[in-house]
PDB file of N, CA and C in Angstrom:
ATOM      1  N   MET A   1       0.399  -1.204  -0.140  1.00  0.00           N
ATOM      2  CA  MET A   1       0.183   0.259   0.240  1.00  0.00           C
ATOM      3  C   MET A   1       0.944   0.760   0.095  1.00  0.00           C
ATOM      4  N   HIS A   2       2.164   1.285   1.132  1.00  0.00           N
ATOM      5  CA  HIS A   2       2.996   2.268   1.082  1.00  0.00           C
ATOM      6  C   HIS A   2       4.054   2.759   0.016  1.00  0.00           C
ATOM      7  N   VAL A   3       4.048   1.461  -1.217  1.00  0.00           N
ATOM      8  CA  VAL A   3       4.633   1.834  -2.618  1.00  0.00           C
ATOM      9  C   VAL A   3       3.619   2.586  -3.776  1.00  0.00           C
ATOM     10  N   ASP A   4       2.039   2.123  -3.588  1.00  0.00           N
ATOM     11  CA  ASP A   4       1.083   2.115  -4.605  1.00  0.00           C
ATOM     12  C   ASP A   4       1.022   4.343  -4.026  1.00  0.00           C
ATOM     13  N   THR A   5       1.125   4.501  -2.694  1.00  0.00           N
ATOM     14  CA  THR A   5       0.900   5.975  -2.769  1.00  0.00           C
ATOM     15  C   THR A   5       1.814   6.238  -2.866  1.00  0.00           C
ATOM     16  N   GLU A   6       3.050   6.175  -2.758  1.00  0.00           N
ATOM     17  CA  GLU A   6       4.939   6.777  -3.208  1.00  0.00           C
ATOM     18  C   GLU A   6       4.192   7.181  -4.923  1.00  0.00           C
ATOM     19  N   ARG A   7       3.605   6.300  -5.381  1.00  0.00           N
ATOM     20  CA  ARG A   7       3.446   5.866  -6.328  1.00  0.00           C
ATOM     21  C   ARG A   7       2.710   7.004  -7.088  1.00  0.00           C
ATOM     22  N   ALA A   8       1.383   7.214  -6.196  1.00  0.00           N
ATOM     23  CA  ALA A   8      -0.156   8.077  -7.023  1.00  0.00           C
ATOM     24  C   ALA A   8       0.578   9.177  -7.029  1.00  0.00           C
ATOM     25  N   LEU A   9       1.369   9.808  -5.473  1.00  0.00           N
ATOM     26  CA  LEU A   9       1.672  10.977  -5.440  1.00  0.00           C
ATOM     27  C   LEU A   9       2.747  10.856  -6.345  1.00  0.00           C
ATOM     28  N   ARG A  10       3.625  10.409  -7.233  1.00  0.00           N
ATOM     29  CA  ARG A  10       4.811  10.593  -7.988  1.00  0.00           C
ATOM     30  C   ARG A  10       3.988  11.023  -9.620  1.00  0.00           C
ATOM     31  N   GLU A  11       2.825   9.817  -9.773  1.00  0.00           N
ATOM     32  CA  GLU A  11       2.607  10.277 -10.666  1.00  0.00           C
ATOM     33  C   GLU A  11       1.723  11.727 -10.925  1.00  0.00           C
ATOM     34  N   ALA A  12       0.986  12.105 -10.101  1.00  0.00           N
ATOM     35  CA  ALA A  12       0.386  13.341  -9.478  1.00  0.00           C
ATOM     36  C   ALA A  12       1.447  14.231  -9.502  1.00  0.00           C
ATOM     37  N   HIS A  13       2.414  14.606  -8.518  1.00  0.00           N
ATOM     38  CA  HIS A  13       3.326  15.723  -8.941  1.00  0.00           C
ATOM     39  C   HIS A  13       4.130  15.331 -10.786  1.00  0.00           C
ATOM     40  N   GLU A  14       4.450  14.379 -11.049  1.00  0.00           N
ATOM     41  CA  GLU A  14       4.565  14.488 -12.664  1.00  0.00           C
ATOM     42  C   GLU A  14       3.458  15.392 -13.497  1.00  0.00           C
ATOM     43  N   GLU A  15       2.326  14.873 -13.433  1.00  0.00           N
ATOM     44  CA  GLU A  15       1.441  15.212 -13.757  1.00  0.00           C
ATOM     45  C   GLU A  15       1.118  17.068 -13.639  1.00  0.00           C
ATOM     46  N   ILE A  16       1.575  17.203 -12.882  1.00  0.00           N
ATOM     47  CA  ILE A  16       1.308  18.782 -12.266  1.00  0.00           C
ATOM     48  C   ILE A  16       2.469  19.377 -13.110  1.00  0.00           C
ATOM     49  N   ARG A  17       3.634  19.233 -12.818  1.00  0.00           N
ATOM     50  CA  ARG A  17       4.820  19.983 -13.764  1.00  0.00           C
ATOM     51  C   ARG A  17       4.498  19.657 -14.973  1.00  0.00           C
ATOM     52  N   ARG A  18       3.558  18.647 -15.404  1.00  0.00           N
ATOM     53  CA  ARG A  18       3.770  18.688 -17.231  1.00  0.00           C
ATOM     54  C   ARG A  18       2.387  20.032 -17.538  1.00  0.00           C
ATOM     55  N   ARG A  19       1.364  19.567 -16.642  1.00  0.00           N
ATOM     56  CA  ARG A  19       0.815  20.989 -16.307  1.00  0.00           C
ATOM     57  C   ARG A  19       1.231  22.313 -16.255  1.00  0.00           C
ATOM     58  N   HIS A  20       2.061  22.831 -15.634  1.00  0.00           N
ATOM     59  CA  HIS A  20       2.660  23.864 -15.689  1.00  0.00           C
ATOM     60  C   HIS A  20       3.341  23.971 -16.785  1.00  0.00           C
ATOM     61  N   GLN A  21       4.241  23.531 -17.256  1.00  0.00           N
ATOM     62  CA  GLN A  21       5.101  23.795 -18.292  1.00  0.00           C
ATOM     63  C   GLN A  21       3.639  23.792 -19.782  1.00  0.00           C
ATOM     64  N   TRP A  22       2.988  22.803 -19.881  1.00  0.00           N
ATOM     65  CA  TRP A  22       1.873  22.854 -21.365  1.00  0.00           C
ATOM     66  C   TRP A  22       1.594  24.866 -20.697  1.00  0.00           C
ATOM     67  N   ALA A  23       0.956  24.945 -19.887  1.00  0.00           N
ATOM     68  CA  ALA A  23       0.862  26.456 -19.237  1.00  0.00           C
ATOM     69  C   ALA A  23       1.918  27.548 -20.214  1.00  0.00           C
ATOM     70  N   ASP A  24       3.114  27.605 -19.305  1.00  0.00           N
ATOM     71  CA  ASP A  24       4.254  27.968 -19.690  1.00  0.00           C
ATOM     72  C   ASP A  24       3.906  28.187 -20.899  1.00  0.00           C
ATOM     73  N   GLN A  25       4.252  27.705 -21.986  1.00  0.00           N
ATOM     74  CA  GLN A  25       4.474  27.326 -22.872  1.00  0.00           C
ATOM     75  C   GLN A  25       3.188  28.016 -23.863  1.00  0.00           C
ATOM     76  N   GLU A  26       1.943  28.021 -23.911  1.00  0.00           N
ATOM     77  CA  GLU A  26       0.412  28.338 -23.734  1.00  0.00           C
ATOM     78  C   GLU A  26       0.879  30.186 -23.762  1.00  0.00           C
ATOM     79  N   ARG A  27       1.298  30.336 -22.502  1.00  0.00           N
ATOM     80  CA  ARG A  27       1.382  31.887 -22.226  1.00  0.00           C
ATOM     81  C   ARG A  27       2.830  32.980 -23.140  1.00  0.00           C
ATOM     82  N   MET A  28       3.410  31.866 -23.089  1.00  0.00           N
ATOM     83  CA  MET A  28       4.840  32.347 -24.418  1.00  0.00           C
ATOM     84  C   MET A  28       4.297  32.619 -25.712  1.00  0.00           C
ATOM     85  N   ILE A  29       3.158  31.303 -25.905  1.00  0.00           N
ATOM     86  CA  ILE A  29       2.878  31.524 -27.460  1.00  0.00           C
ATOM     87  C   ILE A  29       1.352  32.948 -27.186  1.00  0.00           C
ATOM     88  N   ARG A  30       1.103  32.855 -26.868  1.00  0.00           N
ATOM     89  CA  ARG A  30       0.095  34.145 -26.351  1.00  0.00           C
ATOM     90  C   ARG A  30       1.373  35.407 -26.427  1.00  0.00           C
ATOM     91  N   GLN A  31       1.939  35.140 -25.262  1.00  0.00           N
ATOM     92  CA  GLN A  31       2.772  36.971 -25.377  1.00  0.00           C
ATOM     93  C   GLN A  31       3.654  37.234 -26.511  1.00  0.00           C
ATOM     94  N   THR A  32       3.692  36.103 -27.649  1.00  0.00           N
ATOM     95  CA  THR A  32       4.480  36.629 -28.711  1.00  0.00           C
ATOM     96  C   THR A  32       3.347  36.902 -30.214  1.00  0.00           C
ATOM     97  N   ALA A  33       2.453  36.536 -29.889  1.00  0.00           N
ATOM     98  CA  ALA A  33       1.176  36.953 -30.735  1.00  0.00           C
ATOM     99  C   ALA A  33       0.637  38.166 -29.975  1.00  0.00           C
ATOM    100  N   ASP A  34       0.561  37.866 -29.319  1.00  0.00           N
ATOM    101  CA  ASP A  34       0.401  39.575 -28.980  1.00  0.00           C
ATOM    102  C   ASP A  34       1.231  40.648 -29.501  1.00  0.00           C
ATOM    103  N   GLY A  35       2.935  40.370 -28.835  1.00  0.00           N
ATOM    104  CA  GLY A  35       3.791  41.332 -29.489  1.00  0.00           C
ATOM    105  C   GLY A  35       4.120  41.266 -30.867  1.00  0.00           C
ATOM    106  N   GLU A  36       3.524  40.592 -31.591  1.00  0.00           N
ATOM    107  CA  GLU A  36       3.349  40.816 -33.104  1.00  0.00           C
ATOM    108  C   GLU A  36       2.193  42.143 -33.868  1.00  0.00           C
ATOM    109  N   ARG A  37       0.693  41.422 -32.938  1.00  0.00           N
ATOM    110  CA  ARG A  37       0.068  41.978 -32.611  1.00  0.00           C
ATOM    111  C   ARG A  37       0.317  43.867 -32.916  1.00  0.00           C
ATOM    112  N   GLN A  38       0.963  43.685 -31.691  1.00  0.00           N
ATOM    113  CA  GLN A  38       1.668  45.379 -31.289  1.00  0.00           C
ATOM    114  C   GLN A  38       2.259  45.882 -32.020  1.00  0.00           C
ATOM    115  N   THR A  39       3.417  45.142 -32.681  1.00  0.00           N
ATOM    116  CA  THR A  39       4.074  45.080 -33.677  1.00  0.00           C
ATOM    117  C   THR A  39       3.862  46.199 -34.576  1.00  0.00           C
ATOM    118  N   ALA A  40       2.780  45.177 -35.259  1.00  0.00           N
ATOM    119  CA  ALA A  40       2.077  45.301 -36.963  1.00  0.00           C
ATOM    120  C   ALA A  40       0.573  46.583 -36.207  1.00  0.00           C
ATOM    121  N   GLU A  41       0.459  46.626 -35.525  1.00  0.00           N
ATOM    122  CA  GLU A  41      -0.770  47.409 -34.885  1.00  0.00           C
ATOM    123  C   GLU A  41       0.310  48.979 -35.030  1.00  0.00           C
ATOM    124  N   HIS A  42       1.234  48.903 -34.213  1.00  0.00           N
ATOM    125  CA  HIS A  42       2.152  50.359 -34.297  1.00  0.00           C
ATOM    126  C   HIS A  42       2.641  50.781 -35.963  1.00  0.00           C
ATOM    127  N   GLU A  43       3.411  49.730 -36.373  1.00  0.00           N
ATOM    128  CA  GLU A  43       3.927  49.861 -37.998  1.00  0.00           C
ATOM    129  C   GLU A  43       2.916  50.530 -37.796  1.00  0.00           C
ATOM    130  N   MET A  44       1.069  50.305 -38.956  1.00  0.00           N
ATOM    131  CA  MET A  44       0.448  51.155 -39.672  1.00  0.00           C
ATOM    132  C   MET A  44       0.160  52.060 -38.551  1.00  0.00           C
ATOM    133  N   GLU A  45      -0.028  52.423 -37.178  1.00  0.00           N
ATOM    134  CA  GLU A  45      -0.005  54.037 -37.063  1.00  0.00           C
ATOM    135  C   GLU A  45       1.336  54.957 -37.945  1.00  0.00           C
ATOM    136  N   GLN A  46       2.218  54.518 -38.007  1.00  0.00           N
ATOM    137  CA  GLN A  46       3.394  55.258 -38.812  1.00  0.00           C
ATOM    138  C   GLN A  46       2.720  55.598 -39.932  1.00  0.00           C
ATOM    139  N   PRO A  47       2.928  56.569 -40.193  1.00  0.00           N
ATOM    140  CA  PRO A  47       2.751  57.177 -41.354  1.00  0.00           C
ATOM    141  C   PRO A  47       3.817  56.992 -42.813  1.00  0.00           C
ATOM    142  N   ARG A  48       3.458  56.556 -43.450  1.00  0.00           N
ATOM    143  CA  ARG A  48       3.776  55.689 -44.495  1.00  0.00           C
ATOM    144  C   ARG A  48       4.538  56.960 -45.579  1.00  0.00           C
ATOM    145  N   PRO A  49       5.876  57.212 -46.411  1.00  0.00           N
ATOM    146  CA  PRO A  49       5.944  58.228 -46.862  1.00  0.00           C
ATOM    147  C   PRO A  49       4.823  57.829 -48.508  1.00  0.00           C
ATOM    148  N   SER A  50       5.112  59.229 -48.736  1.00  0.00           N
ATOM    149  CA  SER A  50       4.178  59.250 -50.092  1.00  0.00           C
ATOM    150  C   SER A  50       5.196  59.292 -51.068  1.00  0.00           C
ATOM    151  N   PRO A  51       5.287  59.368 -52.567  1.00  0.00           N
ATOM    152  CA  PRO A  51       5.915  59.037 -53.114  1.00  0.00           C
ATOM    153  C   PRO A  51       6.914  60.098 -54.017  1.00  0.00           C
ATOM    154  N   LEU A  52       5.989  61.116 -53.566  1.00  0.00           N
ATOM    155  CA  LEU A  52       6.161  63.110 -53.587  1.00  0.00           C
ATOM    156  C   LEU A  52       7.500  62.701 -52.295  1.00  0.00           C
ATOM    157  N   ASP A  53       6.888  62.188 -51.429  1.00  0.00           N
ATOM    158  CA  ASP A  53       8.144  62.480 -50.107  1.00  0.00           C
ATOM    159  C   ASP A  53       9.461  61.434 -50.513  1.00  0.00           C
ATOM    160  N   TRP A  54       9.747  60.691 -51.228  1.00  0.00           N
ATOM    161  CA  TRP A  54      10.270  59.125 -51.715  1.00  0.00           C
ATOM    162  C   TRP A  54      11.462  60.783 -52.799  1.00  0.00           C
ATOM    163  N   LEU A  55      10.726  61.292 -53.595  1.00  0.00           N
ATOM    164  CA  LEU A  55      11.522  61.806 -54.848  1.00  0.00           C
ATOM    165  C   LEU A  55      12.348  62.811 -53.922  1.00  0.00           C
ATOM    166  N   ARG A  56      11.599  63.846 -52.853  1.00  0.00           N
ATOM    167  CA  ARG A  56      11.579  64.727 -52.098  1.00  0.00           C
ATOM    168  C   ARG A  56      13.671  64.062 -51.931  1.00  0.00           C
ATOM    169  N   ARG A  57      13.206  62.786 -51.301  1.00  0.00           N
ATOM    170  CA  ARG A  57      14.363  62.432 -49.905  1.00  0.00           C
ATOM    171  C   ARG A  57      15.565  61.785 -51.427  1.00  0.00           C
ATOM    172  N   LEU A  58      14.948  61.493 -52.459  1.00  0.00           N
ATOM    173  CA  LEU A  58      16.492  61.217 -53.827  1.00  0.00           C
ATOM    174  C   LEU A  58      16.657  62.316 -54.149  1.00  0.00           C
ATOM    175  N   ALA A  59      16.243  63.172 -53.674  1.00  0.00           N
ATOM    176  CA  ALA A  59      16.591  64.812 -54.428  1.00  0.00           C
ATOM    177  C   ALA A  59      17.436  65.126 -53.702  1.00  0.00           C
ATOM    178  N   GLY A  60      17.240  65.245 -52.063  1.00  0.00           N
ATOM    179  CA  GLY A  60      18.132  65.610 -51.530  1.00  0.00           C
ATOM    180  C   GLY A  60      19.039  65.107 -51.070  1.00  0.00           C
ATOM    181  N   ALA A  61      18.910  63.727 -51.519  1.00  0.00           N
ATOM    182  CA  ALA A  61      20.760  62.962 -51.324  1.00  0.00           C
ATOM    183  C   ALA A  61      21.312  63.429 -51.838  1.00  0.00           C
ATOM    184  N   ARG A  62      21.310  63.713 -52.930  1.00  0.00           N
ATOM    185  CA  ARG A  62      22.260  63.616 -53.836  1.00  0.00           C
ATOM    186  C   ARG A  62      23.230  64.995 -53.891  1.00  0.00           C
TER     187      ARG A  62
END
């Protein structure tokens, strides 16, 4: 009986460890997705130079 209890506790501990590891992986995936979304939103907020602005830059670079 004592051996069975130890085995059950060991298996429960291993299951908890696996679930924590899974939760950590899920959290990292969500953080990465949130970061990519925020980066994309930030890039969209940045004003894009017009073709005329590009020509002015090219003319000024010479």
